[in-house]
mmCIF file of all heavy atoms, coordinates in Angstrom:
data_MODEL
# 
_entry.id   MODEL 
# 
loop_
_atom_site.group_PDB 
_atom_site.id 
_atom_site.type_symbol 
_atom_site.label_atom_id 
_atom_site.label_alt_id 
_atom_site.label_comp_id 
_atom_site.label_asym_id 
_atom_site.label_entity_id 
_atom_site.label_seq_id 
_atom_site.pdbx_PDB_ins_code 
_atom_site.Cartn_x 
_atom_site.Cartn_y 
_atom_site.Cartn_z 
_atom_site.occupancy 
_atom_site.B_iso_or_equiv 
_atom_site.pdbx_formal_charge 
_atom_site.auth_seq_id 
_atom_site.auth_comp_id 
_atom_site.auth_asym_id 
_atom_site.auth_atom_id 
_atom_site.pdbx_PDB_model_num 
ATOM 1   N N   . SER A 1 1  ? 12.392 62.385 35.641 1.00 0.00 ? 1  SER A N   1 
ATOM 2   C CA  . SER A 1 1  ? 12.640 61.748 34.349 1.00 0.00 ? 1  SER A CA  1 
ATOM 3   C C   . SER A 1 1  ? 14.047 62.029 33.853 1.00 0.00 ? 1  SER A C   1 
ATOM 4   O O   . SER A 1 1  ? 14.749 61.127 33.379 1.00 0.00 ? 1  SER A O   1 
ATOM 5   C CB  . SER A 1 1  ? 11.607 62.235 33.325 1.00 0.00 ? 1  SER A CB  1 
ATOM 6   O OG  . SER A 1 1  ? 11.853 61.673 32.048 1.00 0.00 ? 1  SER A OG  1 
ATOM 7   N N   . ASP A 1 2  ? 14.497 63.291 33.964 1.00 0.00 ? 2  ASP A N   1 
ATOM 8   C CA  . ASP A 1 2  ? 15.847 63.652 33.520 1.00 0.00 ? 2  ASP A CA  1 
ATOM 9   C C   . ASP A 1 2  ? 16.907 62.894 34.311 1.00 0.00 ? 2  ASP A C   1 
ATOM 10  O O   . ASP A 1 2  ? 17.904 62.415 33.745 1.00 0.00 ? 2  ASP A O   1 
ATOM 11  C CB  . ASP A 1 2  ? 16.072 65.160 33.683 1.00 0.00 ? 2  ASP A CB  1 
ATOM 12  C CG  . ASP A 1 2  ? 15.311 65.974 32.653 1.00 0.00 ? 2  ASP A CG  1 
ATOM 13  O OD1 . ASP A 1 2  ? 14.853 65.389 31.650 1.00 0.00 ? 2  ASP A OD1 1 
ATOM 14  O OD2 . ASP A 1 2  ? 15.161 67.198 32.855 1.00 0.00 ? 2  ASP A OD2 1 
ATOM 15  N N   . SER A 1 3  ? 16.719 62.783 35.625 1.00 0.00 ? 3  SER A N   1 
ATOM 16  C CA  . SER A 1 3  ? 17.693 62.074 36.461 1.00 0.00 ? 3  SER A CA  1 
ATOM 17  C C   . SER A 1 3  ? 17.735 60.591 36.113 1.00 0.00 ? 3  SER A C   1 
ATOM 18  O O   . SER A 1 3  ? 18.812 59.987 36.043 1.00 0.00 ? 3  SER A O   1 
ATOM 19  C CB  . SER A 1 3  ? 17.351 62.261 37.940 1.00 0.00 ? 3  SER A CB  1 
ATOM 20  O OG  . SER A 1 3  ? 17.472 63.615 38.326 1.00 0.00 ? 3  SER A OG  1 
ATOM 21  N N   . LEU A 1 4  ? 16.563 60.002 35.885 1.00 0.00 ? 4  LEU A N   1 
ATOM 22  C CA  . LEU A 1 4  ? 16.523 58.595 35.501 1.00 0.00 ? 4  LEU A CA  1 
ATOM 23  C C   . LEU A 1 4  ? 17.175 58.378 34.138 1.00 0.00 ? 4  LEU A C   1 
ATOM 24  O O   . LEU A 1 4  ? 17.848 57.363 33.912 1.00 0.00 ? 4  LEU A O   1 
ATOM 25  C CB  . LEU A 1 4  ? 15.073 58.099 35.470 1.00 0.00 ? 4  LEU A CB  1 
ATOM 26  C CG  . LEU A 1 4  ? 14.358 58.032 36.825 1.00 0.00 ? 4  LEU A CG  1 
ATOM 27  C CD1 . LEU A 1 4  ? 12.896 57.653 36.633 1.00 0.00 ? 4  LEU A CD1 1 
ATOM 28  C CD2 . LEU A 1 4  ? 15.046 57.045 37.770 1.00 0.00 ? 4  LEU A CD2 1 
ATOM 29  N N   . ARG A 1 5  ? 17.005 59.341 33.228 1.00 0.00 ? 5  ARG A N   1 
ATOM 30  C CA  . ARG A 1 5  ? 17.663 59.216 31.919 1.00 0.00 ? 5  ARG A CA  1 
ATOM 31  C C   . ARG A 1 5  ? 19.179 59.294 32.063 1.00 0.00 ? 5  ARG A C   1 
ATOM 32  O O   . ARG A 1 5  ? 19.923 58.582 31.381 1.00 0.00 ? 5  ARG A O   1 
ATOM 33  C CB  . ARG A 1 5  ? 17.158 60.304 30.960 1.00 0.00 ? 5  ARG A CB  1 
ATOM 34  C CG  . ARG A 1 5  ? 17.521 60.010 29.507 1.00 0.00 ? 5  ARG A CG  1 
ATOM 35  C CD  . ARG A 1 5  ? 16.862 61.004 28.563 1.00 0.00 ? 5  ARG A CD  1 
ATOM 36  N NE  . ARG A 1 5  ? 15.428 61.076 28.726 1.00 0.00 ? 5  ARG A NE  1 
ATOM 37  C CZ  . ARG A 1 5  ? 14.577 60.171 28.259 1.00 0.00 ? 5  ARG A CZ  1 
ATOM 38  N NH1 . ARG A 1 5  ? 15.026 59.110 27.624 1.00 0.00 ? 5  ARG A NH1 1 
ATOM 39  N NH2 . ARG A 1 5  ? 13.275 60.329 28.450 1.00 0.00 ? 5  ARG A NH2 1 
ATOM 40  N N   . CYS A 1 6  ? 19.652 60.146 32.957 1.00 0.00 ? 6  CYS A N   1 
ATOM 41  C CA  . CYS A 1 6  ? 21.093 60.226 33.213 1.00 0.00 ? 6  CYS A CA  1 
ATOM 42  C C   . CYS A 1 6  ? 21.620 58.918 33.792 1.00 0.00 ? 6  CYS A C   1 
ATOM 43  O O   . CYS A 1 6  ? 22.731 58.484 33.479 1.00 0.00 ? 6  CYS A O   1 
ATOM 44  C CB  . CYS A 1 6  ? 21.405 61.381 34.163 1.00 0.00 ? 6  CYS A CB  1 
ATOM 45  S SG  . CYS A 1 6  ? 21.219 63.020 33.427 1.00 0.00 ? 6  CYS A SG  1 
ATOM 46  N N   . ILE A 1 7  ? 20.810 58.272 34.645 1.00 0.00 ? 7  ILE A N   1 
ATOM 47  C CA  . ILE A 1 7  ? 21.187 56.967 35.176 1.00 0.00 ? 7  ILE A CA  1 
ATOM 48  C C   . ILE A 1 7  ? 21.283 55.949 34.038 1.00 0.00 ? 7  ILE A C   1 
ATOM 49  O O   . ILE A 1 7  ? 22.213 55.133 33.990 1.00 0.00 ? 7  ILE A O   1 
ATOM 50  C CB  . ILE A 1 7  ? 20.169 56.503 36.237 1.00 0.00 ? 7  ILE A CB  1 
ATOM 51  C CG1 . ILE A 1 7  ? 20.248 57.403 37.477 1.00 0.00 ? 7  ILE A CG1 1 
ATOM 52  C CG2 . ILE A 1 7  ? 20.415 55.051 36.634 1.00 0.00 ? 7  ILE A CG2 1 
ATOM 53  C CD1 . ILE A 1 7  ? 19.187 57.109 38.522 1.00 0.00 ? 7  ILE A CD1 1 
ATOM 54  N N   . ASP A 1 8  ? 20.328 55.996 33.099 1.00 0.00 ? 8  ASP A N   1 
ATOM 55  C CA  . ASP A 1 8  ? 20.381 55.124 31.918 1.00 0.00 ? 8  ASP A CA  1 
ATOM 56  C C   . ASP A 1 8  ? 21.692 55.321 31.163 1.00 0.00 ? 8  ASP A C   1 
ATOM 57  O O   . ASP A 1 8  ? 22.338 54.353 30.745 1.00 0.00 ? 8  ASP A O   1 
ATOM 58  C CB  . ASP A 1 8  ? 19.217 55.422 30.968 1.00 0.00 ? 8  ASP A CB  1 
ATOM 59  C CG  . ASP A 1 8  ? 17.855 55.065 31.535 1.00 0.00 ? 8  ASP A CG  1 
ATOM 60  O OD1 . ASP A 1 8  ? 17.800 54.228 32.453 1.00 0.00 ? 8  ASP A OD1 1 
ATOM 61  O OD2 . ASP A 1 8  ? 16.853 55.626 31.064 1.00 0.00 ? 8  ASP A OD2 1 
ATOM 62  N N   . ILE A 1 9  ? 22.070 56.584 30.963 1.00 0.00 ? 9  ILE A N   1 
ATOM 63  C CA  . ILE A 1 9  ? 23.286 56.902 30.213 1.00 0.00 ? 9  ILE A CA  1 
ATOM 64  C C   . ILE A 1 9  ? 24.515 56.383 30.947 1.00 0.00 ? 9  ILE A C   1 
ATOM 65  O O   . ILE A 1 9  ? 25.437 55.813 30.343 1.00 0.00 ? 9  ILE A O   1 
ATOM 66  C CB  . ILE A 1 9  ? 23.389 58.416 29.975 1.00 0.00 ? 9  ILE A CB  1 
ATOM 67  C CG1 . ILE A 1 9  ? 22.276 58.877 29.025 1.00 0.00 ? 9  ILE A CG1 1 
ATOM 68  C CG2 . ILE A 1 9  ? 24.754 58.793 29.407 1.00 0.00 ? 9  ILE A CG2 1 
ATOM 69  C CD1 . ILE A 1 9  ? 22.132 60.381 28.923 1.00 0.00 ? 9  ILE A CD1 1 
ATOM 70  N N   . CYS A 1 10 ? 24.543 56.552 32.276 1.00 0.00 ? 10 CYS A N   1 
ATOM 71  C CA  . CYS A 1 10 ? 25.686 56.084 33.070 1.00 0.00 ? 10 CYS A CA  1 
ATOM 72  C C   . CYS A 1 10 ? 25.821 54.564 33.007 1.00 0.00 ? 10 CYS A C   1 
ATOM 73  O O   . CYS A 1 10 ? 26.925 54.042 32.817 1.00 0.00 ? 10 CYS A O   1 
ATOM 74  C CB  . CYS A 1 10 ? 25.543 56.526 34.523 1.00 0.00 ? 10 CYS A CB  1 
ATOM 75  S SG  . CYS A 1 10 ? 25.797 58.290 34.800 1.00 0.00 ? 10 CYS A SG  1 
ATOM 76  N N   . ILE A 1 11 ? 24.712 53.854 33.157 1.00 0.00 ? 11 ILE A N   1 
ATOM 77  C CA  . ILE A 1 11 ? 24.782 52.392 33.128 1.00 0.00 ? 11 ILE A CA  1 
ATOM 78  C C   . ILE A 1 11 ? 25.182 51.919 31.735 1.00 0.00 ? 11 ILE A C   1 
ATOM 79  O O   . ILE A 1 11 ? 25.921 50.936 31.580 1.00 0.00 ? 11 ILE A O   1 
ATOM 80  C CB  . ILE A 1 11 ? 23.450 51.749 33.577 1.00 0.00 ? 11 ILE A CB  1 
ATOM 81  C CG1 . ILE A 1 11 ? 23.665 50.275 33.975 1.00 0.00 ? 11 ILE A CG1 1 
ATOM 82  C CG2 . ILE A 1 11 ? 22.388 51.839 32.507 1.00 0.00 ? 11 ILE A CG2 1 
ATOM 83  C CD1 . ILE A 1 11 ? 24.370 50.091 35.275 1.00 0.00 ? 11 ILE A CD1 1 
ATOM 84  N N   . GLY A 1 12 ? 24.746 52.642 30.691 1.00 0.00 ? 12 GLY A N   1 
ATOM 85  C CA  . GLY A 1 12 ? 25.158 52.302 29.336 1.00 0.00 ? 12 GLY A CA  1 
ATOM 86  C C   . GLY A 1 12 ? 26.657 52.474 29.143 1.00 0.00 ? 12 GLY A C   1 
ATOM 87  O O   . GLY A 1 12 ? 27.322 51.626 28.533 1.00 0.00 ? 12 GLY A O   1 
ATOM 88  N N   . ALA A 1 13 ? 27.204 53.573 29.680 1.00 0.00 ? 13 ALA A N   1 
ATOM 89  C CA  . ALA A 1 13 ? 28.639 53.818 29.569 1.00 0.00 ? 13 ALA A CA  1 
ATOM 90  C C   . ALA A 1 13 ? 29.441 52.782 30.352 1.00 0.00 ? 13 ALA A C   1 
ATOM 91  O O   . ALA A 1 13 ? 30.512 52.341 29.915 1.00 0.00 ? 13 ALA A O   1 
ATOM 92  C CB  . ALA A 1 13 ? 28.967 55.217 30.073 1.00 0.00 ? 13 ALA A CB  1 
ATOM 93  N N   . ILE A 1 14 ? 28.946 52.372 31.503 1.00 0.00 ? 14 ILE A N   1 
ATOM 94  C CA  . ILE A 1 14 ? 29.614 51.346 32.311 1.00 0.00 ? 14 ILE A CA  1 
ATOM 95  C C   . ILE A 1 14 ? 29.618 50.011 31.557 1.00 0.00 ? 14 ILE A C   1 
ATOM 96  O O   . ILE A 1 14 ? 30.632 49.305 31.516 1.00 0.00 ? 14 ILE A O   1 
ATOM 97  C CB  . ILE A 1 14 ? 28.931 51.215 33.683 1.00 0.00 ? 14 ILE A CB  1 
ATOM 98  C CG1 . ILE A 1 14 ? 29.172 52.481 34.508 1.00 0.00 ? 14 ILE A CG1 1 
ATOM 99  C CG2 . ILE A 1 14 ? 29.444 49.994 34.435 1.00 0.00 ? 14 ILE A CG2 1 
ATOM 100 C CD1 . ILE A 1 14 ? 28.327 52.575 35.773 1.00 0.00 ? 14 ILE A CD1 1 
ATOM 101 N N   . CYS A 1 15 ? 28.487 49.671 30.931 1.00 0.00 ? 15 CYS A N   1 
ATOM 102 C CA  . CYS A 1 15 ? 28.417 48.446 30.131 1.00 0.00 ? 15 CYS A CA  1 
ATOM 103 C C   . CYS A 1 15 ? 29.390 48.502 28.955 1.00 0.00 ? 15 CYS A C   1 
ATOM 104 O O   . CYS A 1 15 ? 30.044 47.487 28.631 1.00 0.00 ? 15 CYS A O   1 
ATOM 105 C CB  . CYS A 1 15 ? 26.994 48.232 29.621 1.00 0.00 ? 15 CYS A CB  1 
ATOM 106 S SG  . CYS A 1 15 ? 25.807 47.695 30.873 1.00 0.00 ? 15 CYS A SG  1 
ATOM 107 N N   . SER A 1 16 ? 29.484 49.659 28.303 1.00 0.00 ? 16 SER A N   1 
ATOM 108 C CA  . SER A 1 16 ? 30.397 49.801 27.166 1.00 0.00 ? 16 SER A CA  1 
ATOM 109 C C   . SER A 1 16 ? 31.844 49.635 27.606 1.00 0.00 ? 16 SER A C   1 
ATOM 110 O O   . SER A 1 16 ? 32.661 49.024 26.901 1.00 0.00 ? 16 SER A O   1 
ATOM 111 C CB  . SER A 1 16 ? 30.211 51.176 26.510 1.00 0.00 ? 16 SER A CB  1 
ATOM 112 O OG  . SER A 1 16 ? 28.941 51.269 25.887 1.00 0.00 ? 16 SER A OG  1 
ATOM 113 N N   . TYR A 1 17 ? 32.183 50.170 28.780 1.00 0.00 ? 17 TYR A N   1 
ATOM 114 C CA  . TYR A 1 17 ? 33.535 49.996 29.332 1.00 0.00 ? 17 TYR A CA  1 
ATOM 115 C C   . TYR A 1 17 ? 33.825 48.509 29.532 1.00 0.00 ? 17 TYR A C   1 
ATOM 116 O O   . TYR A 1 17 ? 34.905 48.014 29.169 1.00 0.00 ? 17 TYR A O   1 
ATOM 117 C CB  . TYR A 1 17 ? 33.658 50.740 30.656 1.00 0.00 ? 17 TYR A CB  1 
ATOM 118 C CG  . TYR A 1 17 ? 34.838 50.303 31.506 1.00 0.00 ? 17 TYR A CG  1 
ATOM 119 C CD1 . TYR A 1 17 ? 36.107 50.837 31.294 1.00 0.00 ? 17 TYR A CD1 1 
ATOM 120 C CD2 . TYR A 1 17 ? 34.676 49.346 32.510 1.00 0.00 ? 17 TYR A CD2 1 
ATOM 121 C CE1 . TYR A 1 17 ? 37.185 50.432 32.063 1.00 0.00 ? 17 TYR A CE1 1 
ATOM 122 C CE2 . TYR A 1 17 ? 35.747 48.937 33.284 1.00 0.00 ? 17 TYR A CE2 1 
ATOM 123 C CZ  . TYR A 1 17 ? 36.994 49.477 33.067 1.00 0.00 ? 17 TYR A CZ  1 
ATOM 124 O OH  . TYR A 1 17 ? 38.071 49.071 33.825 1.00 0.00 ? 17 TYR A OH  1 
ATOM 125 N N   . TYR A 1 18 ? 32.884 47.776 30.090 1.00 0.00 ? 18 TYR A N   1 
ATOM 126 C CA  . TYR A 1 18 ? 33.083 46.342 30.322 1.00 0.00 ? 18 TYR A CA  1 
ATOM 127 C C   . TYR A 1 18 ? 33.317 45.617 28.998 1.00 0.00 ? 18 TYR A C   1 
ATOM 128 O O   . TYR A 1 18 ? 34.190 44.742 28.887 1.00 0.00 ? 18 TYR A O   1 
ATOM 129 C CB  . TYR A 1 18 ? 31.865 45.760 31.046 1.00 0.00 ? 18 TYR A CB  1 
ATOM 130 C CG  . TYR A 1 18 ? 32.052 45.628 32.531 1.00 0.00 ? 18 TYR A CG  1 
ATOM 131 C CD1 . TYR A 1 18 ? 32.259 46.760 33.322 1.00 0.00 ? 18 TYR A CD1 1 
ATOM 132 C CD2 . TYR A 1 18 ? 32.044 44.392 33.160 1.00 0.00 ? 18 TYR A CD2 1 
ATOM 133 C CE1 . TYR A 1 18 ? 32.432 46.660 34.690 1.00 0.00 ? 18 TYR A CE1 1 
ATOM 134 C CE2 . TYR A 1 18 ? 32.221 44.273 34.531 1.00 0.00 ? 18 TYR A CE2 1 
ATOM 135 C CZ  . TYR A 1 18 ? 32.414 45.408 35.295 1.00 0.00 ? 18 TYR A CZ  1 
ATOM 136 O OH  . TYR A 1 18 ? 32.596 45.305 36.648 1.00 0.00 ? 18 TYR A OH  1 
ATOM 137 N N   . ASN A 1 19 ? 32.518 45.968 27.982 1.00 0.00 ? 19 ASN A N   1 
ATOM 138 C CA  . ASN A 1 19 ? 32.681 45.339 26.679 1.00 0.00 ? 19 ASN A CA  1 
ATOM 139 C C   . ASN A 1 19 ? 34.051 45.649 26.083 1.00 0.00 ? 19 ASN A C   1 
ATOM 140 O O   . ASN A 1 19 ? 34.736 44.757 25.557 1.00 0.00 ? 19 ASN A O   1 
ATOM 141 C CB  . ASN A 1 19 ? 31.570 45.815 25.742 1.00 0.00 ? 19 ASN A CB  1 
ATOM 142 C CG  . ASN A 1 19 ? 31.686 45.234 24.352 1.00 0.00 ? 19 ASN A CG  1 
ATOM 143 O OD1 . ASN A 1 19 ? 32.097 45.930 23.421 1.00 0.00 ? 19 ASN A OD1 1 
ATOM 144 N ND2 . ASN A 1 19 ? 31.339 43.974 24.190 1.00 0.00 ? 19 ASN A ND2 1 
ATOM 145 N N   . GLU A 1 20 ? 34.479 46.897 26.168 1.00 0.00 ? 20 GLU A N   1 
ATOM 146 C CA  . GLU A 1 20 ? 35.792 47.292 25.634 1.00 0.00 ? 20 GLU A CA  1 
ATOM 147 C C   . GLU A 1 20 ? 36.920 46.588 26.368 1.00 0.00 ? 20 GLU A C   1 
ATOM 148 O O   . GLU A 1 20 ? 37.908 46.145 25.754 1.00 0.00 ? 20 GLU A O   1 
ATOM 149 C CB  . GLU A 1 20 ? 35.957 48.809 25.748 1.00 0.00 ? 20 GLU A CB  1 
ATOM 150 C CG  . GLU A 1 20 ? 35.044 49.584 24.811 1.00 0.00 ? 20 GLU A CG  1 
ATOM 151 C CD  . GLU A 1 20 ? 34.916 51.045 25.189 1.00 0.00 ? 20 GLU A CD  1 
ATOM 152 O OE1 . GLU A 1 20 ? 35.584 51.453 26.179 1.00 0.00 ? 20 GLU A OE1 1 
ATOM 153 O OE2 . GLU A 1 20 ? 34.166 51.766 24.532 1.00 0.00 ? 20 GLU A OE2 1 
ATOM 154 N N   . GLN A 1 21 ? 36.799 46.474 27.700 1.00 0.00 ? 21 GLN A N   1 
ATOM 155 C CA  . GLN A 1 21 ? 37.839 45.800 28.475 1.00 0.00 ? 21 GLN A CA  1 
ATOM 156 C C   . GLN A 1 21 ? 37.885 44.306 28.174 1.00 0.00 ? 21 GLN A C   1 
ATOM 157 O O   . GLN A 1 21 ? 38.971 43.715 28.087 1.00 0.00 ? 21 GLN A O   1 
ATOM 158 C CB  . GLN A 1 21 ? 37.609 46.026 29.966 1.00 0.00 ? 21 GLN A CB  1 
ATOM 159 C CG  . GLN A 1 21 ? 37.871 47.451 30.428 1.00 0.00 ? 21 GLN A CG  1 
ATOM 160 C CD  . GLN A 1 21 ? 39.302 47.880 30.153 1.00 0.00 ? 21 GLN A CD  1 
ATOM 161 O OE1 . GLN A 1 21 ? 40.247 47.293 30.667 1.00 0.00 ? 21 GLN A OE1 1 
ATOM 162 N NE2 . GLN A 1 21 ? 39.459 48.906 29.333 1.00 0.00 ? 21 GLN A NE2 1 
ATOM 163 N N   . LEU A 1 22 ? 36.721 43.699 28.004 1.00 0.00 ? 22 LEU A N   1 
ATOM 164 C CA  . LEU A 1 22 ? 36.689 42.276 27.669 1.00 0.00 ? 22 LEU A CA  1 
ATOM 165 C C   . LEU A 1 22 ? 37.382 42.027 26.333 1.00 0.00 ? 22 LEU A C   1 
ATOM 166 O O   . LEU A 1 22 ? 38.206 41.105 26.203 1.00 0.00 ? 22 LEU A O   1 
ATOM 167 C CB  . LEU A 1 22 ? 35.241 41.791 27.619 1.00 0.00 ? 22 LEU A CB  1 
ATOM 168 C CG  . LEU A 1 22 ? 35.009 40.322 27.248 1.00 0.00 ? 22 LEU A CG  1 
ATOM 169 C CD1 . LEU A 1 22 ? 35.773 39.387 28.178 1.00 0.00 ? 22 LEU A CD1 1 
ATOM 170 C CD2 . LEU A 1 22 ? 33.511 40.001 27.269 1.00 0.00 ? 22 LEU A CD2 1 
ATOM 171 N N   . ILE A 1 23 ? 37.086 42.868 25.340 1.00 0.00 ? 23 ILE A N   1 
ATOM 172 C CA  . ILE A 1 23 ? 37.745 42.733 24.033 1.00 0.00 ? 23 ILE A CA  1 
ATOM 173 C C   . ILE A 1 23 ? 39.251 42.959 24.170 1.00 0.00 ? 23 ILE A C   1 
ATOM 174 O O   . ILE A 1 23 ? 40.059 42.191 23.631 1.00 0.00 ? 23 ILE A O   1 
ATOM 175 C CB  . ILE A 1 23 ? 37.141 43.731 23.030 1.00 0.00 ? 23 ILE A CB  1 
ATOM 176 C CG1 . ILE A 1 23 ? 35.688 43.365 22.720 1.00 0.00 ? 23 ILE A CG1 1 
ATOM 177 C CG2 . ILE A 1 23 ? 37.955 43.757 21.736 1.00 0.00 ? 23 ILE A CG2 1 
ATOM 178 C CD1 . ILE A 1 23 ? 34.958 44.397 21.876 1.00 0.00 ? 23 ILE A CD1 1 
ATOM 179 N N   . SER A 1 24 ? 39.646 43.999 24.906 1.00 0.00 ? 24 SER A N   1 
ATOM 180 C CA  . SER A 1 24 ? 41.062 44.318 25.077 1.00 0.00 ? 24 SER A CA  1 
ATOM 181 C C   . SER A 1 24 ? 41.818 43.170 25.740 1.00 0.00 ? 24 SER A C   1 
ATOM 182 O O   . SER A 1 24 ? 42.921 42.805 25.320 1.00 0.00 ? 24 SER A O   1 
ATOM 183 C CB  . SER A 1 24 ? 41.210 45.596 25.911 1.00 0.00 ? 24 SER A CB  1 
ATOM 184 O OG  . SER A 1 24 ? 42.566 45.878 26.184 1.00 0.00 ? 24 SER A OG  1 
ATOM 185 N N   . PHE A 1 25 ? 41.238 42.593 26.785 1.00 0.00 ? 25 PHE A N   1 
ATOM 186 C CA  . PHE A 1 25 ? 41.909 41.485 27.489 1.00 0.00 ? 25 PHE A CA  1 
ATOM 187 C C   . PHE A 1 25 ? 42.067 40.282 26.563 1.00 0.00 ? 25 PHE A C   1 
ATOM 188 O O   . PHE A 1 25 ? 43.099 39.593 26.594 1.00 0.00 ? 25 PHE A O   1 
ATOM 189 C CB  . PHE A 1 25 ? 41.108 41.090 28.732 1.00 0.00 ? 25 PHE A CB  1 
ATOM 190 C CG  . PHE A 1 25 ? 41.465 41.878 29.965 1.00 0.00 ? 25 PHE A CG  1 
ATOM 191 C CD1 . PHE A 1 25 ? 41.476 43.267 29.951 1.00 0.00 ? 25 PHE A CD1 1 
ATOM 192 C CD2 . PHE A 1 25 ? 41.795 41.236 31.145 1.00 0.00 ? 25 PHE A CD2 1 
ATOM 193 C CE1 . PHE A 1 25 ? 41.804 43.999 31.082 1.00 0.00 ? 25 PHE A CE1 1 
ATOM 194 C CE2 . PHE A 1 25 ? 42.126 41.943 32.283 1.00 0.00 ? 25 PHE A CE2 1 
ATOM 195 C CZ  . PHE A 1 25 ? 42.131 43.339 32.260 1.00 0.00 ? 25 PHE A CZ  1 
ATOM 196 N N   . LEU A 1 26 ? 41.057 40.023 25.731 1.00 0.00 ? 26 LEU A N   1 
ATOM 197 C CA  . LEU A 1 26 ? 41.136 38.895 24.812 1.00 0.00 ? 26 LEU A CA  1 
ATOM 198 C C   . LEU A 1 26 ? 42.157 39.162 23.705 1.00 0.00 ? 26 LEU A C   1 
ATOM 199 O O   . LEU A 1 26 ? 42.909 38.258 23.308 1.00 0.00 ? 26 LEU A O   1 
ATOM 200 C CB  . LEU A 1 26 ? 39.763 38.606 24.211 1.00 0.00 ? 26 LEU A CB  1 
ATOM 201 C CG  . LEU A 1 26 ? 38.681 38.140 25.195 1.00 0.00 ? 26 LEU A CG  1 
ATOM 202 C CD1 . LEU A 1 26 ? 37.357 37.916 24.460 1.00 0.00 ? 26 LEU A CD1 1 
ATOM 203 C CD2 . LEU A 1 26 ? 39.101 36.874 25.923 1.00 0.00 ? 26 LEU A CD2 1 
# 
């Protein structure tokens, strides 16, 4: 469960990076 939660956190951070980069490029 802890490892899967860490995976959730990592994928969330990756998604946030994509959102920030999309805004920055625009």
